[in-house]
Amino acid sequence: MGLENGKMFVYIRTMDMNDLPILTALGQATRWRTFELLVRHGGDGMLQGEIATGLGVDKNLMSAHLKIMREAGLVTAEKNGREVTYRVTPAAARQVAQSMLDLIEKATGAG
């Protein structure tokens, strides 16, 4: 329950709270740009250094961003010797997109 303009209202949760870490991760500009870049590279993925260079971000800072994205389930990391290749996890991205579309449909009565 909450209070808005002096009136009580009940918040009805319509999105799966498991989507929250993904939405939080994508809510930061560098991580959103990283997500877009990795989506464009498809299944081949990219090395951490390539991502950092492509976005003009310090490699250590990029590592922190990728860790958050990995923990949220947005990307996978595959270690190849000293290098790590990152790829988007399509199922996680689709799940969040579908949850958002469902929420919009429910709120607007569309569909």
Protein backbone atom coordinates (compact mmCIF):
# COMPACT_ATOMS: atom_id res chain seq x y z
CA MET A 1 0.00 0.00 0.00
CA GLY A 2 1.10 3.56 -0.55
CA LEU A 3 -0.08 7.13 -0.23
CA GLU A 4 -0.45 9.38 -3.26
CA ASN A 5 -1.98 12.87 -3.05
CA GLY A 6 -3.48 11.98 0.32
CA LYS A 7 -5.26 8.90 -1.08
CA MET A 8 -4.41 5.32 -0.30
CA PHE A 9 -3.65 3.02 -3.18
CA VAL A 10 -2.61 -0.58 -3.47
CA TYR A 11 0.34 -1.42 -5.67
CA ILE A 12 -0.31 -4.62 -7.57
CA ARG A 13 2.91 -6.27 -8.59
CA THR A 14 2.68 -7.33 -12.20
CA MET A 15 6.33 -7.91 -13.11
CA ASP A 16 8.37 -10.82 -11.88
CA MET A 17 10.78 -9.48 -9.25
CA ASN A 18 13.44 -11.80 -10.72
CA ASP A 19 13.62 -9.29 -13.60
CA LEU A 20 14.71 -6.51 -11.24
CA PRO A 21 18.49 -7.22 -11.34
CA ILE A 22 18.42 -7.14 -15.13
CA LEU A 23 16.46 -3.90 -15.24
CA THR A 24 18.78 -2.39 -12.63
CA ALA A 25 21.85 -3.45 -14.61
CA LEU A 26 20.47 -1.97 -17.82
CA GLY A 27 19.50 1.25 -16.05
CA GLN A 28 23.13 2.43 -16.13
CA ALA A 29 24.29 4.05 -19.38
CA THR A 30 27.58 2.19 -19.85
CA ARG A 31 25.95 -1.16 -19.19
CA TRP A 32 23.11 -0.35 -21.61
CA ARG A 33 25.67 0.58 -24.29
CA THR A 34 27.59 -2.63 -23.53
CA PHE A 35 24.39 -4.64 -23.92
CA GLU A 36 23.66 -2.98 -27.27
CA LEU A 37 27.21 -3.61 -28.48
CA LEU A 38 27.12 -7.28 -27.48
CA VAL A 39 23.70 -7.79 -29.08
CA ARG A 40 25.10 -6.41 -32.33
CA HIS A 41 28.02 -8.85 -32.16
CA GLY A 42 25.69 -11.81 -31.71
CA GLY A 43 26.94 -15.25 -30.76
CA ASP A 44 30.58 -14.41 -31.47
CA GLY A 45 30.71 -12.14 -28.43
CA MET A 46 33.55 -9.78 -27.66
CA LEU A 47 36.63 -9.69 -25.50
CA GLN A 48 36.53 -7.41 -22.47
CA GLY A 49 39.27 -5.20 -23.94
CA GLU A 50 37.40 -4.87 -27.22
CA ILE A 51 34.25 -3.79 -25.38
CA ALA A 52 36.18 -1.25 -23.30
CA THR A 53 37.93 0.17 -26.37
CA GLY A 54 34.71 0.26 -28.40
CA LEU A 55 32.95 2.25 -25.68
CA GLY A 56 35.93 4.36 -24.62
CA VAL A 57 35.81 2.99 -21.07
CA ASP A 58 38.73 2.09 -18.81
CA LYS A 59 39.32 -1.69 -18.85
CA ASN A 60 39.10 -2.00 -15.03
CA LEU A 61 35.82 -0.06 -14.95
CA MET A 62 34.52 -2.22 -17.80
CA SER A 63 35.34 -5.29 -15.71
CA ALA A 64 33.12 -3.99 -12.89
CA HIS A 65 30.25 -3.29 -15.30
CA LEU A 66 30.54 -6.75 -16.87
CA LYS A 67 30.53 -8.37 -13.44
CA ILE A 68 27.21 -6.68 -12.62
CA MET A 69 25.77 -7.75 -15.97
CA ARG A 70 26.99 -11.32 -15.45
CA GLU A 71 25.50 -11.47 -11.94
CA ALA A 72 22.18 -10.21 -13.33
CA GLY A 73 22.21 -13.00 -15.91
CA LEU A 74 22.46 -10.64 -18.89
CA VAL A 75 25.78 -11.92 -20.19
CA THR A 76 27.90 -15.04 -20.04
CA ALA A 77 31.67 -15.07 -19.72
CA GLU A 78 33.88 -17.69 -21.37
CA LYS A 79 37.51 -17.75 -20.33
CA ASN A 80 40.00 -18.54 -23.11
CA GLY A 81 43.45 -18.53 -21.53
CA ARG A 82 44.00 -14.98 -20.30
CA GLU A 83 41.12 -13.51 -22.29
CA VAL A 84 37.41 -13.53 -21.46
CA THR A 85 34.74 -13.47 -24.16
CA TYR A 86 31.37 -11.98 -23.21
CA ARG A 87 28.06 -12.77 -24.90
CA VAL A 88 24.48 -11.65 -24.29
CA THR A 89 22.23 -14.25 -22.72
CA PRO A 90 19.28 -14.13 -25.17
CA ALA A 91 16.80 -15.88 -22.89
CA ALA A 92 17.28 -13.34 -20.08
CA ALA A 93 16.94 -10.40 -22.45
CA ARG A 94 13.78 -11.87 -24.00
CA GLN A 95 12.27 -12.60 -20.58
CA VAL A 96 12.60 -9.00 -19.42
CA ALA A 97 11.38 -7.60 -22.73
CA GLN A 98 8.33 -9.87 -22.60
CA SER A 99 7.61 -8.94 -18.97
CA MET A 100 7.66 -5.27 -19.91
CA LEU A 101 5.42 -5.84 -22.92
CA ASP A 102 2.99 -7.84 -20.75
CA LEU A 103 2.92 -5.03 -18.18
CA ILE A 104 2.21 -2.42 -20.87
CA GLU A 105 -0.49 -4.60 -22.41
CA LYS A 106 -2.15 -5.13 -19.04
CA ALA A 107 -1.99 -1.43 -18.14
CA THR A 108 -3.34 -0.20 -21.47
CA GLY A 109 -5.75 -3.01 -22.23
CA ALA A 110 -3.98 -3.50 -25.57
CA GLY A 111 -3.82 -6.86 -27.24
